[in-house]
C-alpha atoms as a PDB file:
ATOM      1  CA  MET A   1      99.462 141.478 108.862  1.00  0.00           C
ATOM      2  CA  ALA A   2     102.989 142.258 110.032  1.00  0.00           C
ATOM      3  CA  GLN A   3     103.918 145.945 110.064  1.00  0.00           C
ATOM      4  CA  HIS A   4     107.636 145.858 110.875  1.00  0.00           C
ATOM      5  CA  LYS A   5     110.453 144.301 108.924  1.00  0.00           C
ATOM      6  CA  SER A   6     111.409 142.046 111.823  1.00  0.00           C
ATOM      7  CA  ALA A   7     107.791 140.919 112.241  1.00  0.00           C
ATOM      8  CA  GLU A   8     107.617 140.026 108.551  1.00  0.00           C
ATOM      9  CA  LYS A   9     110.788 137.951 108.873  1.00  0.00           C
ATOM     10  CA  ARG A  10     109.421 136.280 112.001  1.00  0.00           C
ATOM     11  CA  ALA A  11     106.232 135.361 110.112  1.00  0.00           C
ATOM     12  CA  ARG A  12     108.276 133.814 107.300  1.00  0.00           C
ATOM     13  CA  SER A  13     110.509 131.840 109.644  1.00  0.00           C
ATOM     14  CA  ASN A  14     107.513 130.670 111.681  1.00  0.00           C
ATOM     15  CA  ALA A  15     105.850 129.362 108.533  1.00  0.00           C
ATOM     16  CA  SER A  16     108.914 127.369 107.479  1.00  0.00           C
ATOM     17  CA  LYS A  17     109.435 125.999 111.000  1.00  0.00           C
ATOM     18  CA  ASN A  18     105.767 125.026 111.146  1.00  0.00           C
ATOM     19  CA  VAL A  19     106.128 122.950 107.972  1.00  0.00           C
ATOM     20  CA  ARG A  20     109.279 121.255 109.265  1.00  0.00           C
ATOM     21  CA  ASN A  21     107.794 120.534 112.698  1.00  0.00           C
ATOM     22  CA  ARG A  22     104.566 119.144 111.228  1.00  0.00           C
ATOM     23  CA  ALA A  23     106.513 116.802 108.965  1.00  0.00           C
ATOM     24  CA  TYR A  24     108.626 115.559 111.863  1.00  0.00           C
ATOM     25  CA  LEU A  25     105.616 115.119 114.127  1.00  0.00           C
ATOM     26  CA  SER A  26     103.917 113.137 111.375  1.00  0.00           C
ATOM     27  CA  SER A  27     106.861 110.724 111.236  1.00  0.00           C
ATOM     28  CA  VAL A  28     106.699 110.334 115.023  1.00  0.00           C
ATOM     29  CA  ARG A  29     102.995 109.504 114.853  1.00  0.00           C
ATOM     30  CA  THR A  30     103.592 107.022 112.033  1.00  0.00           C
ATOM     31  CA  ALA A  31     106.290 105.215 114.034  1.00  0.00           C
ATOM     32  CA  ILE A  32     103.994 104.997 117.071  1.00  0.00           C
ATOM     33  CA  LYS A  33     101.125 103.702 114.938  1.00  0.00           C
ATOM     34  CA  LYS A  34     103.358 101.031 113.369  1.00  0.00           C
ATOM     35  CA  LEU A  35     104.412  99.883 116.838  1.00  0.00           C
ATOM     36  CA  ARG A  36     100.848  99.769 118.148  1.00  0.00           C
ATOM     37  CA  THR A  37      99.556  97.794 115.157  1.00  0.00           C
ATOM     38  CA  ALA A  38     102.464  95.349 115.405  1.00  0.00           C
ATOM     39  CA  ALA A  39     101.747  94.867 119.107  1.00  0.00           C
ATOM     40  CA  ALA A  40      98.058  94.277 118.375  1.00  0.00           C
ATOM     41  CA  ALA A  41      98.995  91.724 115.698  1.00  0.00           C
ATOM     42  CA  LYS A  42     101.237  89.929 118.225  1.00  0.00           C
ATOM     43  CA  GLU A  43     104.426  90.299 116.165  1.00  0.00           C
ATOM     44  CA  SER A  44     107.740  88.805 117.305  1.00  0.00           C
ATOM     45  CA  GLU A  45     109.717  90.338 120.146  1.00  0.00           C
ATOM     46  CA  GLU A  46     112.575  91.269 117.809  1.00  0.00           C
ATOM     47  CA  LYS A  47     110.297  93.221 115.488  1.00  0.00           C
ATOM     48  CA  LEU A  48     108.557  94.955 118.407  1.00  0.00           C
ATOM     49  CA  GLY A  49     111.930  95.822 119.898  1.00  0.00           C
ATOM     50  CA  ALA A  50     113.140  97.361 116.653  1.00  0.00           C
ATOM     51  CA  LEU A  51     109.943  99.363 116.203  1.00  0.00           C
ATOM     52  CA  PHE A  52     110.090 100.507 119.830  1.00  0.00           C
ATOM     53  CA  THR A  53     113.694 101.655 119.453  1.00  0.00           C
ATOM     54  CA  GLN A  54     112.782 103.665 116.368  1.00  0.00           C
ATOM     55  CA  ALA A  55     109.740 105.279 118.000  1.00  0.00           C
ATOM     56  CA  GLN A  56     111.718 106.041 121.158  1.00  0.00           C
ATOM     57  CA  SER A  57     114.487 107.658 119.139  1.00  0.00           C
ATOM     58  CA  LEU A  58     112.071 109.840 117.169  1.00  0.00           C
ATOM     59  CA  LEU A  59     110.246 110.912 120.324  1.00  0.00           C
ATOM     60  CA  ALA A  60     113.473 111.793 122.123  1.00  0.00           C
ATOM     61  CA  ARG A  61     114.683 113.784 119.129  1.00  0.00           C
ATOM     62  CA  ALA A  62     111.358 115.637 118.905  1.00  0.00           C
ATOM     63  CA  ALA A  63     111.672 116.574 122.576  1.00  0.00           C
ATOM     64  CA  LYS A  64     115.265 117.688 122.082  1.00  0.00           C
ATOM     65  CA  ARG A  65     114.204 119.937 119.199  1.00  0.00           C
ATOM     66  CA  ASN A  66     111.275 121.352 121.229  1.00  0.00           C
ATOM     67  CA  ILE A  67     108.698 119.978 118.824  1.00  0.00           C
ATOM     68  CA  ILE A  68     106.987 118.327 121.792  1.00  0.00           C
ATOM     69  CA  HIS A  69     107.567 118.842 125.496  1.00  0.00           C
ATOM     70  CA  LYS A  70     110.123 116.556 127.140  1.00  0.00           C
ATOM     71  CA  ASN A  71     107.562 115.264 129.638  1.00  0.00           C
ATOM     72  CA  ASN A  72     105.182 114.476 126.778  1.00  0.00           C
ATOM     73  CA  ALA A  73     107.902 112.448 125.055  1.00  0.00           C
ATOM     74  CA  SER A  74     108.786 110.696 128.295  1.00  0.00           C
ATOM     75  CA  ARG A  75     105.155 109.812 128.971  1.00  0.00           C
ATOM     76  CA  ARG A  76     104.655 108.431 125.460  1.00  0.00           C
ATOM     77  CA  ILE A  77     107.851 106.374 125.656  1.00  0.00           C
ATOM     78  CA  GLY A  78     106.757 104.978 129.020  1.00  0.00           C
ATOM     79  CA  ARG A  79     103.348 104.015 127.715  1.00  0.00           C
ATOM     80  CA  LEU A  80     104.844 102.332 124.661  1.00  0.00           C
ATOM     81  CA  ALA A  81     107.276 100.410 126.876  1.00  0.00           C
ATOM     82  CA  GLN A  82     104.355  99.330 129.047  1.00  0.00           C
ATOM     83  CA  LEU A  83     102.503  98.161 125.912  1.00  0.00           C
ATOM     84  CA  ILE A  84     105.510  96.128 124.749  1.00  0.00           C
ATOM     85  CA  LYS A  85     105.950  94.582 128.173  1.00  0.00           C
ATOM     86  CA  SER A  86     102.295  93.543 128.395  1.00  0.00           C
ATOM     87  CA  THR A  87     102.205  91.993 124.899  1.00  0.00           C
ATOM     88  CA  THR A  88     105.429  89.984 125.228  1.00  0.00           C
ATOM     89  CA  ARG A  89     104.336  88.127 128.342  1.00  0.00           C
END
């Protein structure tokens, strides 16, 4: 347990940030899952493009906010783009 006043405040702020980050990361995962299931179901290019744009935006924002590492976001975006490219051929 925290002994100092500043450590107690840090524990409180960490807890609130953890809740916020988990919620955001959950939305990122949901967007990726929607895109992957749409690609597996061979949806139209327009729908895949819209889902990809949304997932890419969420991933970039998560990297900007340091929820995930920027290289992690870049790698995921690249793999999703590769998935879209292979399914639209």
